[in-house]
Each structure stands twice: as C-alpha cells, then as structure tokens.
PDB file of N, CA and C in Angstrom:
ATOM      1  N   MET A   1      91.511 117.963  92.155  1.00  0.00           N
ATOM      2  CA  MET A   1      92.325 118.849  91.368  1.00  0.00           C
ATOM      3  C   MET A   1      91.401 119.808  90.638  1.00  0.00           C
ATOM      4  N   THR A   2      91.707 121.072  90.675  1.00  0.00           N
ATOM      5  CA  THR A   2      90.887 122.044  89.973  1.00  0.00           C
ATOM      6  C   THR A   2      91.614 122.495  88.721  1.00  0.00           C
ATOM      7  N   ILE A   3      90.856 122.667  87.676  1.00  0.00           N
ATOM      8  CA  ILE A   3      91.416 123.117  86.409  1.00  0.00           C
ATOM      9  C   ILE A   3      90.994 124.570  86.216  1.00  0.00           C
ATOM     10  N   PRO A   4      91.968 125.461  85.987  1.00  0.00           N
ATOM     11  CA  PRO A   4      91.627 126.867  85.831  1.00  0.00           C
ATOM     12  C   PRO A   4      90.784 127.110  84.581  1.00  0.00           C
ATOM     13  N   GLU A   5      89.868 128.036  84.703  1.00  0.00           N
ATOM     14  CA  GLU A   5      89.066 128.407  83.544  1.00  0.00           C
ATOM     15  C   GLU A   5      89.907 129.251  82.615  1.00  0.00           C
ATOM     16  N   ILE A   6      89.798 128.977  81.344  1.00  0.00           N
ATOM     17  CA  ILE A   6      90.552 129.742  80.359  1.00  0.00           C
ATOM     18  C   ILE A   6      89.555 130.385  79.414  1.00  0.00           C
ATOM     19  N   GLU A   7      89.570 131.697  79.407  1.00  0.00           N
ATOM     20  CA  GLU A   7      88.670 132.420  78.518  1.00  0.00           C
ATOM     21  C   GLU A   7      89.318 132.536  77.147  1.00  0.00           C
ATOM     22  N   PRO A   8      88.523 132.452  76.096  1.00  0.00           N
ATOM     23  CA  PRO A   8      89.092 132.617  74.757  1.00  0.00           C
ATOM     24  C   PRO A   8      89.827 133.943  74.655  1.00  0.00           C
ATOM     25  N   GLY A   9      91.024 133.874  74.121  1.00  0.00           N
ATOM     26  CA  GLY A   9      91.814 135.095  73.964  1.00  0.00           C
ATOM     27  C   GLY A   9      92.504 135.532  75.241  1.00  0.00           C
ATOM     28  N   GLY A  10      92.210 134.885  76.374  1.00  0.00           N
ATOM     29  CA  GLY A  10      92.850 135.243  77.632  1.00  0.00           C
ATOM     30  C   GLY A  10      94.237 134.647  77.729  1.00  0.00           C
ATOM     31  N   ASP A  11      95.044 135.238  78.596  1.00  0.00           N
ATOM     32  CA  ASP A  11      96.405 134.771  78.793  1.00  0.00           C
ATOM     33  C   ASP A  11      96.457 133.907  80.046  1.00  0.00           C
ATOM     34  N   LEU A  12      96.822 132.657  79.887  1.00  0.00           N
ATOM     35  CA  LEU A  12      96.900 131.728  81.010  1.00  0.00           C
ATOM     36  C   LEU A  12      97.870 132.242  82.067  1.00  0.00           C
ATOM     37  N   HIS A  13      98.941 132.882  81.657  1.00  0.00           N
ATOM     38  CA  HIS A  13      99.942 133.362  82.612  1.00  0.00           C
ATOM     39  C   HIS A  13      99.426 134.509  83.486  1.00  0.00           C
ATOM     40  N   GLU A  14      98.330 135.125  83.113  1.00  0.00           N
ATOM     41  CA  GLU A  14      97.729 136.135  83.984  1.00  0.00           C
ATOM     42  C   GLU A  14      97.112 135.486  85.210  1.00  0.00           C
ATOM     43  N   ARG A  15      96.701 134.230  85.094  1.00  0.00           N
ATOM     44  CA  ARG A  15      96.063 133.525  86.201  1.00  0.00           C
ATOM     45  C   ARG A  15      97.010 132.581  86.933  1.00  0.00           C
ATOM     46  N   MET A  16      98.074 132.175  86.272  1.00  0.00           N
ATOM     47  CA  MET A  16      98.984 131.206  86.871  1.00  0.00           C
ATOM     48  C   MET A  16     100.419 131.699  86.735  1.00  0.00           C
ATOM     49  N   GLY A  17     101.177 131.566  87.809  1.00  0.00           N
ATOM     50  CA  GLY A  17     102.585 131.908  87.764  1.00  0.00           C
ATOM     51  C   GLY A  17     103.417 130.705  87.364  1.00  0.00           C
ATOM     52  N   PRO A  18     104.738 130.886  87.282  1.00  0.00           N
ATOM     53  CA  PRO A  18     105.612 129.779  86.871  1.00  0.00           C
ATOM     54  C   PRO A  18     105.513 128.553  87.784  1.00  0.00           C
ATOM     55  N   ARG A  19     105.344 128.775  89.086  1.00  0.00           N
ATOM     56  CA  ARG A  19     105.252 127.650  90.022  1.00  0.00           C
ATOM     57  C   ARG A  19     103.988 126.826  89.757  1.00  0.00           C
ATOM     58  N   GLU A  20     102.884 127.515  89.510  1.00  0.00           N
ATOM     59  CA  GLU A  20     101.634 126.818  89.230  1.00  0.00           C
ATOM     60  C   GLU A  20     101.705 126.104  87.880  1.00  0.00           C
ATOM     61  N   ASP A  21     102.352 126.743  86.885  1.00  0.00           N
ATOM     62  CA  ASP A  21     102.531 126.102  85.579  1.00  0.00           C
ATOM     63  C   ASP A  21     103.261 124.782  85.751  1.00  0.00           C
ATOM     64  N   ARG A  22     104.334 124.789  86.531  1.00  0.00           N
ATOM     65  CA  ARG A  22     105.123 123.573  86.745  1.00  0.00           C
ATOM     66  C   ARG A  22     104.289 122.523  87.467  1.00  0.00           C
ATOM     67  N   ARG A  23     103.536 122.945  88.455  1.00  0.00           N
ATOM     68  CA  ARG A  23     102.689 122.012  89.215  1.00  0.00           C
ATOM     69  C   ARG A  23     101.677 121.332  88.290  1.00  0.00           C
ATOM     70  N   VAL A  24     101.020 122.110  87.461  1.00  0.00           N
ATOM     71  CA  VAL A  24     100.034 121.564  86.532  1.00  0.00           C
ATOM     72  C   VAL A  24     100.717 120.590  85.575  1.00  0.00           C
ATOM     73  N   TRP A  25     101.873 120.969  85.058  1.00  0.00           N
ATOM     74  CA  TRP A  25     102.617 120.104  84.148  1.00  0.00           C
ATOM     75  C   TRP A  25     102.996 118.796  84.842  1.00  0.00           C
ATOM     76  N   LEU A  26     103.492 118.891  86.080  1.00  0.00           N
ATOM     77  CA  LEU A  26     103.887 117.698  86.829  1.00  0.00           C
ATOM     78  C   LEU A  26     102.687 116.796  87.130  1.00  0.00           C
ATOM     79  N   GLU A  27     101.556 117.385  87.482  1.00  0.00           N
ATOM     80  CA  GLU A  27     100.359 116.583  87.750  1.00  0.00           C
ATOM     81  C   GLU A  27      99.886 115.866  86.488  1.00  0.00           C
ATOM     82  N   ARG A  28      99.930 116.551  85.366  1.00  0.00           N
ATOM     83  CA  ARG A  28      99.511 115.922  84.107  1.00  0.00           C
ATOM     84  C   ARG A  28     100.472 114.808  83.710  1.00  0.00           C
ATOM     85  N   LEU A  29     101.769 115.045  83.889  1.00  0.00           N
ATOM     86  CA  LEU A  29     102.759 114.018  83.587  1.00  0.00           C
ATOM     87  C   LEU A  29     102.562 112.811  84.500  1.00  0.00           C
ATOM     88  N   ALA A  30     102.387 113.057  85.790  1.00  0.00           N
ATOM     89  CA  ALA A  30     102.196 111.961  86.748  1.00  0.00           C
ATOM     90  C   ALA A  30     100.925 111.178  86.419  1.00  0.00           C
ATOM     91  N   PHE A  31      99.876 111.871  86.005  1.00  0.00           N
ATOM     92  CA  PHE A  31      98.648 111.161  85.638  1.00  0.00           C
ATOM     93  C   PHE A  31      98.895 110.270  84.426  1.00  0.00           C
ATOM     94  N   ALA A  32      99.577 110.784  83.419  1.00  0.00           N
ATOM     95  CA  ALA A  32      99.882 109.966  82.238  1.00  0.00           C
ATOM     96  C   ALA A  32     100.731 108.760  82.632  1.00  0.00           C
ATOM     97  N   LEU A  33     101.698 108.973  83.512  1.00  0.00           N
ATOM     98  CA  LEU A  33     102.538 107.870  83.972  1.00  0.00           C
ATOM     99  C   LEU A  33     101.743 106.867  84.791  1.00  0.00           C
ATOM    100  N   SER A  34     100.682 107.331  85.451  1.00  0.00           N
ATOM    101  CA  SER A  34      99.871 106.431  86.280  1.00  0.00           C
ATOM    102  C   SER A  34      98.964 105.527  85.438  1.00  0.00           C
ATOM    103  N   CYS A  35      98.846 105.815  84.163  1.00  0.00           N
ATOM    104  CA  CYS A  35      98.022 104.973  83.278  1.00  0.00           C
ATOM    105  C   CYS A  35      98.765 103.688  82.914  1.00  0.00           C
ATOM    106  N   ARG A  36     100.020 103.828  82.533  1.00  0.00           N
ATOM    107  CA  ARG A  36     100.851 102.673  82.170  1.00  0.00           C
ATOM    108  C   ARG A  36     102.282 103.158  81.960  1.00  0.00           C
ATOM    109  N   CYS A  37     103.171 102.200  81.917  1.00  0.00           N
ATOM    110  CA  CYS A  37     104.581 102.508  81.689  1.00  0.00           C
ATOM    111  C   CYS A  37     104.742 103.111  80.296  1.00  0.00           C
ATOM    112  N   PRO A  38     105.399 104.258  80.170  1.00  0.00           N
ATOM    113  CA  PRO A  38     105.561 104.859  78.844  1.00  0.00           C
ATOM    114  C   PRO A  38     106.546 104.081  77.966  1.00  0.00           C
ATOM    115  N   PHE A  39     107.331 103.216  78.561  1.00  0.00           N
ATOM    116  CA  PHE A  39     108.320 102.462  77.788  1.00  0.00           C
ATOM    117  C   PHE A  39     107.685 101.320  77.005  1.00  0.00           C
ATOM    118  N   ASP A  40     106.901 100.499  77.710  1.00  0.00           N
ATOM    119  CA  ASP A  40     106.336  99.329  77.028  1.00  0.00           C
ATOM    120  C   ASP A  40     104.869  99.063  77.370  1.00  0.00           C
ATOM    121  N   GLY A  41     104.245  99.971  78.096  1.00  0.00           N
ATOM    122  CA  GLY A  41     102.832  99.815  78.415  1.00  0.00           C
ATOM    123  C   GLY A  41     102.542  98.843  79.546  1.00  0.00           C
ATOM    124  N   ALA A  42     103.579  98.291  80.144  1.00  0.00           N
ATOM    125  CA  ALA A  42     103.401  97.315  81.219  1.00  0.00           C
ATOM    126  C   ALA A  42     103.155  98.036  82.552  1.00  0.00           C
ATOM    127  N   ASN A  43     103.134  97.265  83.617  1.00  0.00           N
ATOM    128  CA  ASN A  43     102.994  97.811  84.969  1.00  0.00           C
ATOM    129  C   ASN A  43     104.005  97.092  85.870  1.00  0.00           C
ATOM    130  N   PRO A  44     105.291  97.456  85.742  1.00  0.00           N
ATOM    131  CA  PRO A  44     106.332  96.755  86.505  1.00  0.00           C
ATOM    132  C   PRO A  44     106.085  96.835  88.008  1.00  0.00           C
ATOM    133  N   SER A  45     106.317  95.728  88.687  1.00  0.00           N
ATOM    134  CA  SER A  45     106.044  95.679  90.134  1.00  0.00           C
ATOM    135  C   SER A  45     106.982  96.569  90.939  1.00  0.00           C
ATOM    136  N   ASP A  46     108.141  96.930  90.390  1.00  0.00           N
ATOM    137  CA  ASP A  46     109.065  97.800  91.125  1.00  0.00           C
ATOM    138  C   ASP A  46     108.840  99.289  90.845  1.00  0.00           C
ATOM    139  N   CYS A  47     107.829  99.604  90.054  1.00  0.00           N
ATOM    140  CA  CYS A  47     107.511 101.008  89.746  1.00  0.00           C
ATOM    141  C   CYS A  47     106.773 101.633  90.923  1.00  0.00           C
ATOM    142  N   PRO A  48     107.119 102.879  91.286  1.00  0.00           N
ATOM    143  CA  PRO A  48     106.409 103.519  92.402  1.00  0.00           C
ATOM    144  C   PRO A  48     104.922 103.755  92.126  1.00  0.00           C
ATOM    145  N   LEU A  49     104.508 103.664  90.879  1.00  0.00           N
ATOM    146  CA  LEU A  49     103.101 103.859  90.533  1.00  0.00           C
ATOM    147  C   LEU A  49     102.369 102.539  90.281  1.00  0.00           C
ATOM    148  N   HIS A  50     103.013 101.428  90.554  1.00  0.00           N
ATOM    149  CA  HIS A  50     102.434 100.107  90.283  1.00  0.00           C
ATOM    150  C   HIS A  50     101.024  99.961  90.877  1.00  0.00           C
ATOM    151  N   GLY A  51     100.876 100.169  92.169  1.00  0.00           N
ATOM    152  CA  GLY A  51      99.583  99.993  92.828  1.00  0.00           C
ATOM    153  C   GLY A  51      98.544 101.011  92.391  1.00  0.00           C
ATOM    154  N   LEU A  52      98.988 102.199  92.056  1.00  0.00           N
ATOM    155  CA  LEU A  52      98.077 103.258  91.639  1.00  0.00           C
ATOM    156  C   LEU A  52      97.397 102.918  90.320  1.00  0.00           C
ATOM    157  N   ARG A  53      98.071 102.177  89.485  1.00  0.00           N
ATOM    158  CA  ARG A  53      97.540 101.863  88.151  1.00  0.00           C
ATOM    159  C   ARG A  53      96.303 100.971  88.192  1.00  0.00           C
ATOM    160  N   PHE A  54      96.010 100.376  89.339  1.00  0.00           N
ATOM    161  CA  PHE A  54      94.816  99.541  89.466  1.00  0.00           C
ATOM    162  C   PHE A  54      93.578 100.369  89.800  1.00  0.00           C
ATOM    163  N   LEU A  55      93.768 101.634  90.152  1.00  0.00           N
ATOM    164  CA  LEU A  55      92.650 102.499  90.533  1.00  0.00           C
ATOM    165  C   LEU A  55      92.019 103.138  89.304  1.00  0.00           C
ATOM    166  N   GLY A  56      90.826 103.644  89.478  1.00  0.00           N
ATOM    167  CA  GLY A  56      90.150 104.376  88.413  1.00  0.00           C
ATOM    168  C   GLY A  56      90.748 105.767  88.252  1.00  0.00           C
ATOM    169  N   GLU A  57      90.344 106.444  87.197  1.00  0.00           N
ATOM    170  CA  GLU A  57      90.901 107.766  86.888  1.00  0.00           C
ATOM    171  C   GLU A  57      90.695 108.771  88.019  1.00  0.00           C
ATOM    172  N   ILE A  58      89.493 108.818  88.566  1.00  0.00           N
ATOM    173  CA  ILE A  58      89.189 109.796  89.619  1.00  0.00           C
ATOM    174  C   ILE A  58      90.055 109.553  90.846  1.00  0.00           C
ATOM    175  N   GLU A  59      90.182 108.293  91.262  1.00  0.00           N
ATOM    176  CA  GLU A  59      91.004 107.974  92.435  1.00  0.00           C
ATOM    177  C   GLU A  59      92.467 108.328  92.196  1.00  0.00           C
ATOM    178  N   ARG A  60      92.941 108.062  90.969  1.00  0.00           N
ATOM    179  CA  ARG A  60      94.332 108.414  90.651  1.00  0.00           C
ATOM    180  C   ARG A  60      94.531 109.923  90.682  1.00  0.00           C
ATOM    181  N   LEU A  61      93.596 110.666  90.107  1.00  0.00           N
ATOM    182  CA  LEU A  61      93.704 112.136  90.122  1.00  0.00           C
ATOM    183  C   LEU A  61      93.703 112.675  91.545  1.00  0.00           C
ATOM    184  N   GLU A  62      92.819 112.145  92.377  1.00  0.00           N
ATOM    185  CA  GLU A  62      92.755 112.595  93.768  1.00  0.00           C
ATOM    186  C   GLU A  62      94.047 112.275  94.504  1.00  0.00           C
ATOM    187  N   TRP A  63      94.579 111.081  94.316  1.00  0.00           N
ATOM    188  CA  TRP A  63      95.813 110.672  94.984  1.00  0.00           C
ATOM    189  C   TRP A  63      96.975 111.555  94.540  1.00  0.00           C
ATOM    190  N   LEU A  64      97.079 111.784  93.233  1.00  0.00           N
ATOM    191  CA  LEU A  64      98.172 112.600  92.707  1.00  0.00           C
ATOM    192  C   LEU A  64      98.070 114.048  93.157  1.00  0.00           C
ATOM    193  N   SER A  65      96.861 114.559  93.308  1.00  0.00           N
ATOM    194  CA  SER A  65      96.697 115.964  93.718  1.00  0.00           C
ATOM    195  C   SER A  65      97.143 116.192  95.161  1.00  0.00           C
ATOM    196  N   CYS A  66      97.252 115.122  95.942  1.00  0.00           N
ATOM    197  CA  CYS A  66      97.699 115.235  97.331  1.00  0.00           C
ATOM    198  C   CYS A  66      99.222 115.224  97.462  1.00  0.00           C
ATOM    199  N   LEU A  67      99.927 114.924  96.392  1.00  0.00           N
ATOM    200  CA  LEU A  67     101.385 114.871  96.459  1.00  0.00           C
ATOM    201  C   LEU A  67     101.984 116.267  96.492  1.00  0.00           C
ATOM    202  N   THR A  68     103.136 116.367  97.114  1.00  0.00           N
ATOM    203  CA  THR A  68     103.866 117.639  97.130  1.00  0.00           C
ATOM    204  C   THR A  68     104.574 117.823  95.788  1.00  0.00           C
ATOM    205  N   ASP A  69     105.050 119.024  95.539  1.00  0.00           N
ATOM    206  CA  ASP A  69     105.818 119.281  94.325  1.00  0.00           C
ATOM    207  C   ASP A  69     107.055 118.388  94.279  1.00  0.00           C
ATOM    208  N   ASP A  70     107.716 118.210  95.417  1.00  0.00           N
ATOM    209  CA  ASP A  70     108.907 117.358  95.473  1.00  0.00           C
ATOM    210  C   ASP A  70     108.570 115.909  95.120  1.00  0.00           C
ATOM    211  N   GLU A  71     107.436 115.420  95.583  1.00  0.00           N
ATOM    212  CA  GLU A  71     107.035 114.043  95.269  1.00  0.00           C
ATOM    213  C   GLU A  71     106.718 113.885  93.786  1.00  0.00           C
ATOM    214  N   LEU A  72     106.076 114.890  93.203  1.00  0.00           N
ATOM    215  CA  LEU A  72     105.794 114.854  91.765  1.00  0.00           C
ATOM    216  C   LEU A  72     107.093 114.929  90.969  1.00  0.00           C
ATOM    217  N   ASP A  73     108.035 115.764  91.422  1.00  0.00           N
ATOM    218  CA  ASP A  73     109.351 115.839  90.783  1.00  0.00           C
ATOM    219  C   ASP A  73     110.038 114.478  90.822  1.00  0.00           C
ATOM    220  N   TYR A  74     109.948 113.812  91.967  1.00  0.00           N
ATOM    221  CA  TYR A  74     110.562 112.495  92.120  1.00  0.00           C
ATOM    222  C   TYR A  74     109.985 111.507  91.105  1.00  0.00           C
ATOM    223  N   LEU A  75     108.658 111.488  90.974  1.00  0.00           N
ATOM    224  CA  LEU A  75     108.035 110.565  90.029  1.00  0.00           C
ATOM    225  C   LEU A  75     108.504 110.832  88.597  1.00  0.00           C
ATOM    226  N   ALA A  76     108.594 112.103  88.225  1.00  0.00           N
ATOM    227  CA  ALA A  76     109.056 112.451  86.878  1.00  0.00           C
ATOM    228  C   ALA A  76     110.507 112.019  86.689  1.00  0.00           C
ATOM    229  N   ALA A  77     111.358 112.309  87.666  1.00  0.00           N
ATOM    230  CA  ALA A  77     112.775 111.944  87.570  1.00  0.00           C
ATOM    231  C   ALA A  77     112.954 110.431  87.559  1.00  0.00           C
ATOM    232  N   TYR A  78     112.198 109.735  88.403  1.00  0.00           N
ATOM    233  CA  TYR A  78     112.280 108.274  88.461  1.00  0.00           C
ATOM    234  C   TYR A  78     111.990 107.671  87.090  1.00  0.00           C
ATOM    235  N   HIS A  79     110.923 108.119  86.464  1.00  0.00           N
ATOM    236  CA  HIS A  79     110.527 107.548  85.186  1.00  0.00           C
ATOM    237  C   HIS A  79     111.505 107.916  84.076  1.00  0.00           C
ATOM    238  N   LEU A  80     112.069 109.107  84.111  1.00  0.00           N
ATOM    239  CA  LEU A  80     113.084 109.486  83.124  1.00  0.00           C
ATOM    240  C   LEU A  80     114.311 108.589  83.264  1.00  0.00           C
ATOM    241  N   CYS A  81     114.756 108.358  84.498  1.00  0.00           N
ATOM    242  CA  CYS A  81     115.907 107.478  84.743  1.00  0.00           C
ATOM    243  C   CYS A  81     115.594 106.041  84.338  1.00  0.00           C
ATOM    244  N   CYS A  82     114.413 105.580  84.656  1.00  0.00           N
ATOM    245  CA  CYS A  82     114.008 104.208  84.331  1.00  0.00           C
ATOM    246  C   CYS A  82     114.005 104.003  82.819  1.00  0.00           C
ATOM    247  N   ILE A  83     113.399 104.917  82.100  1.00  0.00           N
ATOM    248  CA  ILE A  83     113.356 104.802  80.636  1.00  0.00           C
ATOM    249  C   ILE A  83     114.767 104.850  80.058  1.00  0.00           C
ATOM    250  N   SER A  84     115.604 105.761  80.552  1.00  0.00           N
ATOM    251  CA  SER A  84     116.982 105.872  80.071  1.00  0.00           C
ATOM    252  C   SER A  84     117.741 104.579  80.296  1.00  0.00           C
ATOM    253  N   GLU A  85     117.579 103.969  81.462  1.00  0.00           N
ATOM    254  CA  GLU A  85     118.267 102.722  81.779  1.00  0.00           C
ATOM    255  C   GLU A  85     117.758 101.578  80.909  1.00  0.00           C
ATOM    256  N   ARG A  86     116.478 101.513  80.680  1.00  0.00           N
ATOM    257  CA  ARG A  86     115.922 100.435  79.854  1.00  0.00           C
ATOM    258  C   ARG A  86     116.375 100.584  78.398  1.00  0.00           C
ATOM    259  N   ILE A  87     116.457 101.811  77.913  1.00  0.00           N
ATOM    260  CA  ILE A  87     116.969 102.044  76.557  1.00  0.00           C
ATOM    261  C   ILE A  87     118.444 101.661  76.492  1.00  0.00           C
ATOM    262  N   ARG A  88     119.220 102.015  77.515  1.00  0.00           N
ATOM    263  CA  ARG A  88     120.638 101.668  77.560  1.00  0.00           C
ATOM    264  C   ARG A  88     120.815 100.144  77.497  1.00  0.00           C
ATOM    265  N   ARG A  89     119.995  99.404  78.265  1.00  0.00           N
ATOM    266  CA  ARG A  89     120.085  97.947  78.258  1.00  0.00           C
ATOM    267  C   ARG A  89     119.716  97.355  76.901  1.00  0.00           C
ATOM    268  N   LEU A  90     118.694  97.921  76.262  1.00  0.00           N
ATOM    269  CA  LEU A  90     118.310  97.449  74.924  1.00  0.00           C
ATOM    270  C   LEU A  90     119.434  97.690  73.915  1.00  0.00           C
ATOM    271  N   GLU A  91     120.032  98.870  73.980  1.00  0.00           N
ATOM    272  CA  GLU A  91     121.138  99.186  73.061  1.00  0.00           C
ATOM    273  C   GLU A  91     122.320  98.258  73.300  1.00  0.00           C
ATOM    274  N   ALA A  92     122.624  97.969  74.568  1.00  0.00           N
ATOM    275  CA  ALA A  92     123.725  97.054  74.888  1.00  0.00           C
ATOM    276  C   ALA A  92     123.425  95.651  74.376  1.00  0.00           C
ATOM    277  N   ALA A  93     122.198  95.192  74.531  1.00  0.00           N
ATOM    278  CA  ALA A  93     121.823  93.865  74.047  1.00  0.00           C
ATOM    279  C   ALA A  93     121.895  93.799  72.525  1.00  0.00           C
ATOM    280  N   ALA A  94     121.459  94.862  71.854  1.00  0.00           N
ATOM    281  CA  ALA A  94     121.520  94.900  70.389  1.00  0.00           C
ATOM    282  C   ALA A  94     122.970  94.898  69.919  1.00  0.00           C
ATOM    283  N   LYS A  95     123.814  95.649  70.603  1.00  0.00           N
ATOM    284  CA  LYS A  95     125.236  95.695  70.260  1.00  0.00           C
ATOM    285  C   LYS A  95     125.865  94.318  70.446  1.00  0.00           C
ATOM    286  N   GLU A  96     125.544  93.648  71.538  1.00  0.00           N
ATOM    287  CA  GLU A  96     126.074  92.303  71.800  1.00  0.00           C
ATOM    288  C   GLU A  96     125.576  91.303  70.756  1.00  0.00           C
ATOM    289  N   ALA A  97     124.317  91.430  70.347  1.00  0.00           N
ATOM    290  CA  ALA A  97     123.767  90.535  69.329  1.00  0.00           C
ATOM    291  C   ALA A  97     124.483  90.742  67.996  1.00  0.00           C
ATOM    292  N   ARG A  98     124.754  91.987  67.632  1.00  0.00           N
ATOM    293  CA  ARG A  98     125.490  92.273  66.388  1.00  0.00           C
ATOM    294  C   ARG A  98     126.901  91.695  66.458  1.00  0.00           C
ATOM    295  N   ARG A  99     127.533  91.843  67.605  1.00  0.00           N
ATOM    296  CA  ARG A  99     128.891  91.321  67.810  1.00  0.00           C
ATOM    297  C   ARG A  99     128.892  89.796  67.678  1.00  0.00           C
ATOM    298  N   ALA A 100     127.935  89.132  68.314  1.00  0.00           N
ATOM    299  CA  ALA A 100     127.835  87.680  68.242  1.00  0.00           C
ATOM    300  C   ALA A 100     127.589  87.225  66.804  1.00  0.00           C
ATOM    301  N   ASP A 101     126.775  87.978  66.079  1.00  0.00           N
ATOM    302  CA  ASP A 101     126.478  87.648  64.683  1.00  0.00           C
ATOM    303  C   ASP A 101     127.737  87.759  63.824  1.00  0.00           C
ATOM    304  N   ARG A 102     128.509  88.811  64.032  1.00  0.00           N
ATOM    305  CA  ARG A 102     129.767  88.985  63.282  1.00  0.00           C
ATOM    306  C   ARG A 102     130.726  87.839  63.576  1.00  0.00           C
ATOM    307  N   LEU A 103     130.858  87.468  64.850  1.00  0.00           N
ATOM    308  CA  LEU A 103     131.750  86.378  65.233  1.00  0.00           C
ATOM    309  C   LEU A 103     131.302  85.051  64.610  1.00  0.00           C
ATOM    310  N   GLU A 104     129.999  84.833  64.576  1.00  0.00           N
ATOM    311  CA  GLU A 104     129.463  83.609  64.005  1.00  0.00           C
ATOM    312  C   GLU A 104     129.742  83.541  62.514  1.00  0.00           C
ATOM    313  N   ARG A 105     129.605  84.659  61.821  1.00  0.00           N
ATOM    314  CA  ARG A 105     129.862  84.706  60.368  1.00  0.00           C
ATOM    315  C   ARG A 105     131.332  84.448  60.065  1.00  0.00           C
ATOM    316  N   ARG A 106     132.217  84.953  60.931  1.00  0.00           N
ATOM    317  CA  ARG A 106     133.656  84.753  60.739  1.00  0.00           C
ATOM    318  C   ARG A 106     134.046  83.279  60.874  1.00  0.00           C
ATOM    319  N   SER A 107     133.340  82.595  61.771  1.00  0.00           N
ATOM    320  CA  SER A 107     133.690  81.202  62.029  1.00  0.00           C
ATOM    321  C   SER A 107     133.141  80.240  60.991  1.00  0.00           C
ATOM    322  N   GLU A 108     132.314  80.723  60.109  1.00  0.00           N
ATOM    323  CA  GLU A 108     131.712  79.843  59.077  1.00  0.00           C
ATOM    324  C   GLU A 108     132.661  79.568  57.959  1.00  0.00           C
TER     325      GLU A 108
END
C-alpha cells in the first residue's frame, strides 16, 4: 500500500479524487478491524477477519491492499451489522433482566 505524500499547506484533494479518498478510508478501517473486534477486543471465529488477526502488521496491510473496493465495502458493512446485532442482543438481555427484577420484587 502506498501512502500519498502530503506537502504542508497542500490540498490532499488535488492529488486524490473521491474514489481514492474512499479507498484509503476503507483500507484504514479494514486495517483497524484486522487488529481486533471493535466491540469487545476479541477475535470471534465466525469473523471474516479471524485468520488475518494472527498475522503481523505488514502481512495484514499487504493482504488488505489486494482486496477490491467491493470486498473492503463488505468488510465494513459486515462489521457494522455485527456490532449493531451485538448491541441489540445486549439491550434485549438488559431489558429482560430489568423485567425479571421487577417481577421478583413484586413477588416478595
């Protein structure tokens, strides 16, 4: 992966268009996701990045740079959906725990 040179006072958009901006953003996001799960820091076995997390930084960067824009989009969308679902489950469990607590207090 090559990182564009940025001169002080220069405009990044003069060197990169919107498509390249998105690509760079997606690669950086995918790299951050390849370090660990953003939800709890774990490495779930069903995560598409599970095996990648065992590699060193350079190997991960090289692997991610070979992905297409669509594949990077998929990784970003997958992780957004995964986090949303895990938060939904936590909220449901908390709601159920509050409900059980109220019922228990009523029966006392």
